[in-house]
């Protein structure tokens, strides 16, 4: 999610792949540190692998096909849920807060969509089926506008 803030022009499916590329070496170095200092716990490691390997596979498959806006919204929900659990909020309260946040997000999105057809998105993000300006190959026409 931090990459979302650092690179707002990247498409959501590129962000997921970039996040994984950074996460794998980080997890490997953390595991090596635990092994070196004698704090390795096989049961925790196995449970993390059982949950993360299918999650990474399914996440990569879904993010490559889903629209960028949905991926960004899901990333925001996961980040909110993680923050609430780090603050030791109960499961019931977490579910209520997440439900309220999703409802507010859907209501806000509906209002924006119905208000004169405003285009909602990230600056520089190209939606599916459209091409960036100046992306075609034409002789004599400068790419990116008039200079």
N, C-alpha and C. Protein backbone atom coordinates (compact mmCIF):
# COMPACT_ATOMS: atom_id res chain seq x y z
N UNK A 1 0.82 -1.19 0.00
CA UNK A 1 0.00 0.00 0.00
C UNK A 1 0.86 1.25 0.00
N UNK A 2 2.03 1.16 0.60
CA UNK A 2 2.92 2.32 0.61
C UNK A 2 3.34 2.67 -0.81
N UNK A 3 3.45 1.66 -1.65
CA UNK A 3 3.82 1.92 -3.05
C UNK A 3 2.74 2.71 -3.76
N UNK A 4 1.49 2.53 -3.33
CA UNK A 4 0.39 3.29 -3.91
C UNK A 4 0.60 4.78 -3.72
N UNK A 5 1.12 5.15 -2.55
CA UNK A 5 1.36 6.57 -2.27
C UNK A 5 2.65 7.05 -2.94
N UNK A 6 3.63 6.18 -3.07
CA UNK A 6 4.89 6.58 -3.68
C UNK A 6 4.81 6.68 -5.20
N UNK A 7 4.02 5.79 -5.81
CA UNK A 7 3.92 5.75 -7.26
C UNK A 7 2.46 5.81 -7.69
N UNK A 8 1.81 6.96 -7.59
CA UNK A 8 0.39 7.03 -7.91
C UNK A 8 0.07 6.84 -9.39
N UNK A 9 1.06 6.96 -10.26
CA UNK A 9 0.80 6.81 -11.69
C UNK A 9 0.83 5.36 -12.14
N UNK A 10 1.34 4.45 -11.30
CA UNK A 10 1.37 3.03 -11.68
C UNK A 10 -0.03 2.45 -11.61
N UNK A 11 -0.32 1.51 -12.52
CA UNK A 11 -1.59 0.81 -12.46
C UNK A 11 -1.58 -0.13 -11.27
N UNK A 12 -2.76 -0.46 -10.77
CA UNK A 12 -2.87 -1.27 -9.55
C UNK A 12 -2.23 -2.65 -9.73
N UNK A 13 -2.39 -3.28 -10.89
CA UNK A 13 -1.79 -4.60 -11.06
C UNK A 13 -0.27 -4.52 -11.10
N UNK A 14 0.29 -3.41 -11.53
CA UNK A 14 1.74 -3.23 -11.46
C UNK A 14 2.19 -3.02 -10.03
N UNK A 15 1.37 -2.35 -9.23
CA UNK A 15 1.69 -2.13 -7.82
C UNK A 15 1.76 -3.44 -7.06
N UNK A 16 0.82 -4.35 -7.34
CA UNK A 16 0.80 -5.64 -6.64
C UNK A 16 2.08 -6.41 -6.94
N UNK A 17 2.48 -6.45 -8.20
CA UNK A 17 3.71 -7.15 -8.56
C UNK A 17 4.94 -6.50 -7.95
N UNK A 18 4.98 -5.18 -7.94
CA UNK A 18 6.11 -4.46 -7.37
C UNK A 18 6.19 -4.69 -5.86
N UNK A 19 5.04 -4.71 -5.22
CA UNK A 19 4.99 -4.97 -3.78
C UNK A 19 5.53 -6.36 -3.45
N UNK A 20 5.19 -7.34 -4.27
CA UNK A 20 5.67 -8.71 -4.05
C UNK A 20 7.18 -8.80 -4.26
N UNK A 21 7.68 -8.09 -5.24
CA UNK A 21 9.12 -8.11 -5.50
C UNK A 21 9.89 -7.55 -4.30
N UNK A 22 9.32 -6.57 -3.62
CA UNK A 22 9.98 -6.01 -2.45
C UNK A 22 9.76 -6.86 -1.21
N UNK A 23 8.62 -7.54 -1.12
CA UNK A 23 8.29 -8.30 0.08
C UNK A 23 9.10 -9.58 0.20
N UNK A 24 9.36 -10.26 -0.91
CA UNK A 24 10.05 -11.56 -0.85
C UNK A 24 11.45 -11.43 -0.24
N UNK A 25 12.32 -10.51 -0.69
CA UNK A 25 13.62 -10.39 -0.04
C UNK A 25 13.52 -9.95 1.42
N UNK A 26 12.55 -9.12 1.74
CA UNK A 26 12.37 -8.68 3.11
C UNK A 26 12.02 -9.84 4.03
N UNK A 27 11.10 -10.68 3.60
CA UNK A 27 10.71 -11.85 4.39
C UNK A 27 11.87 -12.83 4.50
N UNK A 28 12.60 -13.03 3.40
CA UNK A 28 13.74 -13.95 3.44
C UNK A 28 14.81 -13.46 4.42
N UNK A 29 15.10 -12.17 4.43
CA UNK A 29 16.11 -11.65 5.35
C UNK A 29 15.62 -11.72 6.80
N UNK A 30 14.34 -11.50 7.02
CA UNK A 30 13.80 -11.61 8.38
C UNK A 30 13.88 -13.06 8.87
N UNK A 31 13.56 -14.01 8.00
CA UNK A 31 13.64 -15.42 8.38
C UNK A 31 15.08 -15.81 8.69
N UNK A 32 16.02 -15.33 7.88
CA UNK A 32 17.43 -15.62 8.13
C UNK A 32 17.88 -15.04 9.47
N UNK A 33 17.42 -13.84 9.79
CA UNK A 33 17.74 -13.22 11.07
C UNK A 33 17.22 -14.04 12.24
N UNK A 34 16.00 -14.55 12.11
CA UNK A 34 15.45 -15.39 13.18
C UNK A 34 16.22 -16.69 13.31
N UNK A 35 16.66 -17.24 12.18
CA UNK A 35 17.47 -18.47 12.25
C UNK A 35 18.82 -18.21 12.92
N UNK A 36 19.46 -17.11 12.58
CA UNK A 36 20.77 -16.80 13.14
C UNK A 36 20.74 -16.53 14.64
N UNK A 37 19.64 -15.92 15.11
CA UNK A 37 19.55 -15.58 16.52
C UNK A 37 18.79 -16.62 17.34
N UNK A 38 18.47 -17.77 16.74
CA UNK A 38 17.85 -18.87 17.47
C UNK A 38 16.40 -18.63 17.85
N UNK A 39 15.70 -17.78 17.12
CA UNK A 39 14.31 -17.48 17.44
C UNK A 39 13.36 -18.07 16.39
N UNK A 40 13.78 -19.10 15.71
CA UNK A 40 13.00 -19.71 14.64
C UNK A 40 11.91 -20.59 15.23
N UNK A 41 10.67 -20.41 14.76
CA UNK A 41 9.54 -21.21 15.22
C UNK A 41 8.88 -21.85 14.00
N UNK A 42 9.03 -23.16 13.89
CA UNK A 42 8.55 -23.89 12.72
C UNK A 42 7.03 -23.78 12.58
N UNK A 43 6.28 -23.86 13.67
CA UNK A 43 4.83 -23.81 13.56
C UNK A 43 4.33 -22.47 13.01
N UNK A 44 4.96 -21.37 13.41
CA UNK A 44 4.59 -20.05 12.89
C UNK A 44 4.97 -19.94 11.42
N UNK A 45 6.15 -20.44 11.08
CA UNK A 45 6.61 -20.39 9.69
C UNK A 45 5.69 -21.18 8.77
N UNK A 46 5.32 -22.38 9.18
CA UNK A 46 4.45 -23.23 8.35
C UNK A 46 3.07 -22.58 8.19
N UNK A 47 2.52 -22.03 9.26
CA UNK A 47 1.19 -21.39 9.15
C UNK A 47 1.24 -20.17 8.24
N UNK A 48 2.34 -19.41 8.29
CA UNK A 48 2.49 -18.27 7.39
C UNK A 48 2.58 -18.72 5.93
N UNK A 49 3.33 -19.78 5.69
CA UNK A 49 3.46 -20.29 4.32
C UNK A 49 2.14 -20.85 3.80
N UNK A 50 1.41 -21.56 4.66
CA UNK A 50 0.12 -22.13 4.24
C UNK A 50 -0.85 -21.02 3.84
N UNK A 51 -0.82 -19.91 4.53
CA UNK A 51 -1.72 -18.81 4.20
C UNK A 51 -1.21 -17.92 3.08
N UNK A 52 0.10 -17.73 3.02
CA UNK A 52 0.61 -16.74 2.07
C UNK A 52 0.79 -17.27 0.65
N UNK A 53 1.19 -18.50 0.48
CA UNK A 53 1.43 -19.00 -0.88
C UNK A 53 0.15 -19.00 -1.71
N UNK A 54 -0.96 -19.58 -1.24
CA UNK A 54 -2.19 -19.48 -2.04
C UNK A 54 -2.67 -18.03 -2.17
N UNK A 55 -2.48 -17.22 -1.11
CA UNK A 55 -2.90 -15.82 -1.17
C UNK A 55 -2.15 -15.04 -2.23
N UNK A 56 -0.85 -15.26 -2.31
CA UNK A 56 -0.04 -14.57 -3.32
C UNK A 56 -0.46 -15.02 -4.72
N UNK A 57 -0.66 -16.32 -4.90
CA UNK A 57 -1.05 -16.83 -6.21
C UNK A 57 -2.41 -16.26 -6.64
N UNK A 58 -3.40 -16.36 -5.75
CA UNK A 58 -4.73 -15.86 -6.10
C UNK A 58 -4.73 -14.34 -6.28
N UNK A 59 -4.00 -13.63 -5.43
CA UNK A 59 -3.92 -12.18 -5.55
C UNK A 59 -3.31 -11.74 -6.88
N UNK A 60 -2.26 -12.45 -7.30
CA UNK A 60 -1.62 -12.12 -8.58
C UNK A 60 -2.56 -12.41 -9.75
N UNK A 61 -3.28 -13.52 -9.67
CA UNK A 61 -4.21 -13.86 -10.76
C UNK A 61 -5.36 -12.86 -10.84
N UNK A 62 -5.92 -12.50 -9.69
CA UNK A 62 -7.06 -11.59 -9.67
C UNK A 62 -6.63 -10.18 -10.06
N UNK A 63 -5.49 -9.72 -9.53
CA UNK A 63 -5.08 -8.34 -9.80
C UNK A 63 -4.71 -8.11 -11.25
N UNK A 64 -4.33 -9.17 -11.96
CA UNK A 64 -3.99 -8.99 -13.37
C UNK A 64 -5.24 -8.84 -14.24
N UNK A 65 -6.40 -9.23 -13.72
CA UNK A 65 -7.63 -9.17 -14.51
C UNK A 65 -8.63 -8.12 -14.02
N UNK A 66 -8.57 -7.77 -12.74
CA UNK A 66 -9.57 -6.85 -12.17
C UNK A 66 -9.23 -5.40 -12.52
N UNK A 67 -10.24 -4.55 -12.58
CA UNK A 67 -9.99 -3.13 -12.84
C UNK A 67 -9.17 -2.50 -11.71
N UNK A 68 -8.35 -1.52 -12.06
CA UNK A 68 -7.46 -0.88 -11.11
C UNK A 68 -8.17 -0.24 -9.94
N UNK A 69 -9.34 0.35 -10.17
CA UNK A 69 -10.07 0.99 -9.09
C UNK A 69 -10.50 0.01 -8.01
N UNK A 70 -10.90 -1.18 -8.43
CA UNK A 70 -11.32 -2.19 -7.45
C UNK A 70 -10.12 -2.67 -6.65
N UNK A 71 -8.99 -2.87 -7.31
CA UNK A 71 -7.78 -3.31 -6.60
C UNK A 71 -7.36 -2.26 -5.58
N UNK A 72 -7.39 -0.99 -5.96
CA UNK A 72 -7.02 0.08 -5.03
C UNK A 72 -7.98 0.12 -3.83
N UNK A 73 -9.28 -0.05 -4.08
CA UNK A 73 -10.25 -0.05 -2.99
C UNK A 73 -10.01 -1.23 -2.05
N UNK A 74 -9.74 -2.40 -2.61
CA UNK A 74 -9.46 -3.57 -1.77
C UNK A 74 -8.19 -3.39 -0.96
N UNK A 75 -7.18 -2.80 -1.56
CA UNK A 75 -5.95 -2.53 -0.81
C UNK A 75 -6.20 -1.57 0.35
N UNK A 76 -7.07 -0.59 0.14
CA UNK A 76 -7.40 0.36 1.22
C UNK A 76 -8.14 -0.35 2.35
N UNK A 77 -9.06 -1.27 2.00
CA UNK A 77 -9.80 -2.01 3.02
C UNK A 77 -8.85 -2.91 3.83
N UNK A 78 -7.93 -3.58 3.14
CA UNK A 78 -6.97 -4.44 3.84
C UNK A 78 -6.08 -3.61 4.76
N UNK A 79 -5.64 -2.44 4.30
CA UNK A 79 -4.81 -1.57 5.13
C UNK A 79 -5.58 -1.09 6.37
N UNK A 80 -6.85 -0.73 6.20
CA UNK A 80 -7.67 -0.31 7.33
C UNK A 80 -7.86 -1.46 8.33
N UNK A 81 -8.13 -2.65 7.82
CA UNK A 81 -8.31 -3.81 8.70
C UNK A 81 -7.02 -4.12 9.46
N UNK A 82 -5.89 -4.03 8.79
CA UNK A 82 -4.60 -4.27 9.45
C UNK A 82 -4.34 -3.23 10.54
N UNK A 83 -4.65 -1.97 10.25
CA UNK A 83 -4.44 -0.91 11.24
C UNK A 83 -5.33 -1.13 12.46
N UNK A 84 -6.58 -1.51 12.23
CA UNK A 84 -7.49 -1.73 13.34
C UNK A 84 -7.03 -2.90 14.22
N UNK A 85 -6.53 -3.97 13.59
CA UNK A 85 -6.07 -5.10 14.38
C UNK A 85 -4.77 -4.77 15.12
N UNK A 86 -3.91 -3.95 14.54
CA UNK A 86 -2.70 -3.51 15.25
C UNK A 86 -3.05 -2.65 16.46
N UNK A 87 -4.16 -1.94 16.38
CA UNK A 87 -4.63 -1.13 17.51
C UNK A 87 -5.46 -1.96 18.49
N UNK A 88 -5.50 -3.27 18.27
CA UNK A 88 -6.20 -4.23 19.12
C UNK A 88 -7.69 -3.95 19.24
N UNK A 89 -8.31 -3.56 18.14
CA UNK A 89 -9.76 -3.39 18.08
C UNK A 89 -10.38 -4.78 17.99
N UNK A 90 -11.50 -5.00 18.68
CA UNK A 90 -12.14 -6.32 18.67
C UNK A 90 -12.60 -6.69 17.26
N UNK A 91 -12.81 -7.98 17.03
CA UNK A 91 -13.24 -8.45 15.72
C UNK A 91 -14.59 -7.87 15.32
N UNK A 92 -15.52 -7.80 16.27
CA UNK A 92 -16.85 -7.26 15.98
C UNK A 92 -16.76 -5.79 15.59
N UNK A 93 -16.01 -5.02 16.35
CA UNK A 93 -15.86 -3.59 16.03
C UNK A 93 -15.15 -3.41 14.69
N UNK A 94 -14.14 -4.25 14.42
CA UNK A 94 -13.43 -4.18 13.13
C UNK A 94 -14.39 -4.41 11.98
N UNK A 95 -15.24 -5.42 12.09
CA UNK A 95 -16.21 -5.70 11.02
C UNK A 95 -17.18 -4.54 10.83
N UNK A 96 -17.65 -3.94 11.92
CA UNK A 96 -18.56 -2.80 11.81
C UNK A 96 -17.87 -1.60 11.17
N UNK A 97 -16.66 -1.34 11.58
CA UNK A 97 -15.92 -0.19 11.02
C UNK A 97 -15.64 -0.42 9.54
N UNK A 98 -15.21 -1.63 9.17
CA UNK A 98 -14.96 -1.93 7.76
C UNK A 98 -16.23 -1.82 6.93
N UNK A 99 -17.35 -2.33 7.48
CA UNK A 99 -18.63 -2.22 6.78
C UNK A 99 -19.03 -0.78 6.55
N UNK A 100 -18.86 0.05 7.59
CA UNK A 100 -19.20 1.47 7.47
C UNK A 100 -18.29 2.16 6.47
N UNK A 101 -17.00 1.82 6.48
CA UNK A 101 -16.06 2.44 5.53
C UNK A 101 -16.39 2.05 4.09
N UNK A 102 -16.72 0.79 3.88
CA UNK A 102 -17.08 0.34 2.52
C UNK A 102 -18.37 1.02 2.07
N UNK A 103 -19.37 1.10 2.97
CA UNK A 103 -20.63 1.76 2.62
C UNK A 103 -20.40 3.24 2.29
N UNK A 104 -19.57 3.92 3.08
CA UNK A 104 -19.27 5.33 2.81
C UNK A 104 -18.53 5.48 1.49
N UNK A 105 -17.61 4.56 1.22
CA UNK A 105 -16.87 4.62 -0.05
C UNK A 105 -17.77 4.42 -1.24
N UNK A 106 -18.69 3.45 -1.15
CA UNK A 106 -19.63 3.19 -2.25
C UNK A 106 -20.55 4.39 -2.44
N UNK A 107 -21.04 4.97 -1.34
CA UNK A 107 -21.93 6.13 -1.44
C UNK A 107 -21.19 7.32 -2.05
N UNK A 108 -19.97 7.56 -1.61
CA UNK A 108 -19.19 8.66 -2.16
C UNK A 108 -18.88 8.46 -3.63
N UNK A 109 -18.55 7.24 -4.00
CA UNK A 109 -18.25 6.94 -5.41
C UNK A 109 -19.50 7.15 -6.26
N UNK A 110 -20.67 6.72 -5.75
CA UNK A 110 -21.92 6.89 -6.49
C UNK A 110 -22.23 8.37 -6.69
N UNK A 111 -22.01 9.17 -5.65
CA UNK A 111 -22.26 10.61 -5.78
C UNK A 111 -21.35 11.23 -6.82
N UNK A 112 -20.08 10.85 -6.82
CA UNK A 112 -19.15 11.40 -7.80
C UNK A 112 -19.50 10.97 -9.22
N UNK A 113 -19.91 9.74 -9.38
CA UNK A 113 -20.26 9.23 -10.71
C UNK A 113 -21.52 9.89 -11.26
N UNK A 114 -22.46 10.21 -10.40
CA UNK A 114 -23.74 10.78 -10.84
C UNK A 114 -23.70 12.29 -10.97
N UNK A 115 -22.62 12.92 -10.56
CA UNK A 115 -22.48 14.38 -10.61
C UNK A 115 -21.85 14.83 -11.91
N UNK A 116 -22.57 14.86 -12.97
CA UNK A 116 -22.06 15.37 -14.23
C UNK A 116 -21.07 14.45 -14.91
N UNK A 117 -21.00 13.20 -14.53
CA UNK A 117 -20.13 12.24 -15.18
C UNK A 117 -18.66 12.55 -15.00
N UNK A 118 -18.28 13.05 -13.84
CA UNK A 118 -16.88 13.38 -13.59
C UNK A 118 -16.03 12.12 -13.67
N UNK A 119 -14.88 12.23 -14.26
CA UNK A 119 -13.95 11.12 -14.39
C UNK A 119 -13.18 10.95 -13.09
N UNK A 120 -13.30 9.79 -12.47
CA UNK A 120 -12.62 9.52 -11.22
C UNK A 120 -11.45 8.59 -11.51
N UNK A 121 -10.26 8.96 -11.10
CA UNK A 121 -9.10 8.12 -11.32
C UNK A 121 -7.83 8.81 -10.87
N UNK A 122 -6.73 8.21 -11.21
CA UNK A 122 -5.42 8.73 -10.84
C UNK A 122 -4.84 9.45 -12.05
N UNK A 123 -4.22 10.58 -11.83
CA UNK A 123 -3.62 11.34 -12.91
C UNK A 123 -2.54 10.48 -13.56
N UNK A 124 -2.61 10.35 -14.86
CA UNK A 124 -1.61 9.59 -15.60
C UNK A 124 -1.96 8.12 -15.75
N UNK A 125 -2.99 7.62 -15.05
CA UNK A 125 -3.37 6.23 -15.16
C UNK A 125 -4.21 6.06 -16.43
N UNK A 126 -3.89 5.05 -17.20
CA UNK A 126 -4.59 4.78 -18.44
C UNK A 126 -5.59 3.68 -18.17
N UNK A 127 -6.86 3.92 -18.48
CA UNK A 127 -7.88 2.91 -18.27
C UNK A 127 -7.85 1.90 -19.40
N UNK A 128 -8.46 0.75 -19.16
CA UNK A 128 -8.47 -0.28 -20.19
C UNK A 128 -9.24 0.20 -21.41
N UNK A 129 -8.74 -0.11 -22.58
CA UNK A 129 -9.41 0.25 -23.81
C UNK A 129 -9.06 1.64 -24.31
N UNK A 130 -8.29 2.38 -23.58
CA UNK A 130 -7.90 3.72 -24.04
C UNK A 130 -6.39 3.76 -24.16
N UNK A 131 -5.92 4.67 -24.97
CA UNK A 131 -4.49 4.80 -25.15
C UNK A 131 -4.05 6.17 -24.66
N UNK A 132 -2.81 6.27 -24.16
CA UNK A 132 -2.33 7.58 -23.72
C UNK A 132 -2.16 8.51 -24.89
N UNK A 133 -2.26 9.81 -24.63
CA UNK A 133 -2.11 10.81 -25.69
C UNK A 133 -0.72 10.74 -26.27
N UNK A 134 -0.64 10.79 -27.59
CA UNK A 134 0.66 10.76 -28.25
C UNK A 134 1.27 9.39 -28.29
N UNK A 135 0.47 8.34 -28.04
CA UNK A 135 1.01 6.99 -28.00
C UNK A 135 1.10 6.35 -29.38
N UNK A 136 0.44 6.92 -30.38
CA UNK A 136 0.45 6.34 -31.71
C UNK A 136 1.71 6.68 -32.45
N UNK A 137 1.94 5.97 -33.54
CA UNK A 137 3.12 6.23 -34.36
C UNK A 137 2.67 7.03 -35.56
N UNK A 138 2.90 8.32 -35.52
CA UNK A 138 2.56 9.19 -36.63
C UNK A 138 3.77 10.06 -36.92
N UNK A 139 4.11 10.16 -38.18
CA UNK A 139 5.25 10.99 -38.53
C UNK A 139 4.84 12.45 -38.55
N UNK A 140 5.70 13.29 -38.04
CA UNK A 140 5.46 14.71 -38.06
C UNK A 140 4.61 15.22 -36.91
N UNK A 141 4.10 14.33 -36.05
CA UNK A 141 3.27 14.75 -34.93
C UNK A 141 4.07 14.47 -33.65
N UNK A 142 4.39 15.50 -32.89
CA UNK A 142 5.15 15.26 -31.66
C UNK A 142 4.32 14.51 -30.63
N UNK A 143 4.94 13.52 -29.95
CA UNK A 143 4.22 12.78 -28.91
C UNK A 143 4.16 13.64 -27.66
N UNK A 144 3.00 13.69 -27.02
CA UNK A 144 2.85 14.45 -25.78
C UNK A 144 2.41 15.88 -26.01
N UNK A 145 1.97 16.23 -27.17
CA UNK A 145 1.42 17.58 -27.37
C UNK A 145 2.33 18.48 -28.17
N UNK A 146 1.92 19.75 -28.31
CA UNK A 146 2.65 20.73 -29.09
C UNK A 146 3.80 21.27 -28.27
N UNK A 147 4.95 21.43 -28.89
CA UNK A 147 6.14 21.94 -28.18
C UNK A 147 6.40 23.36 -28.54
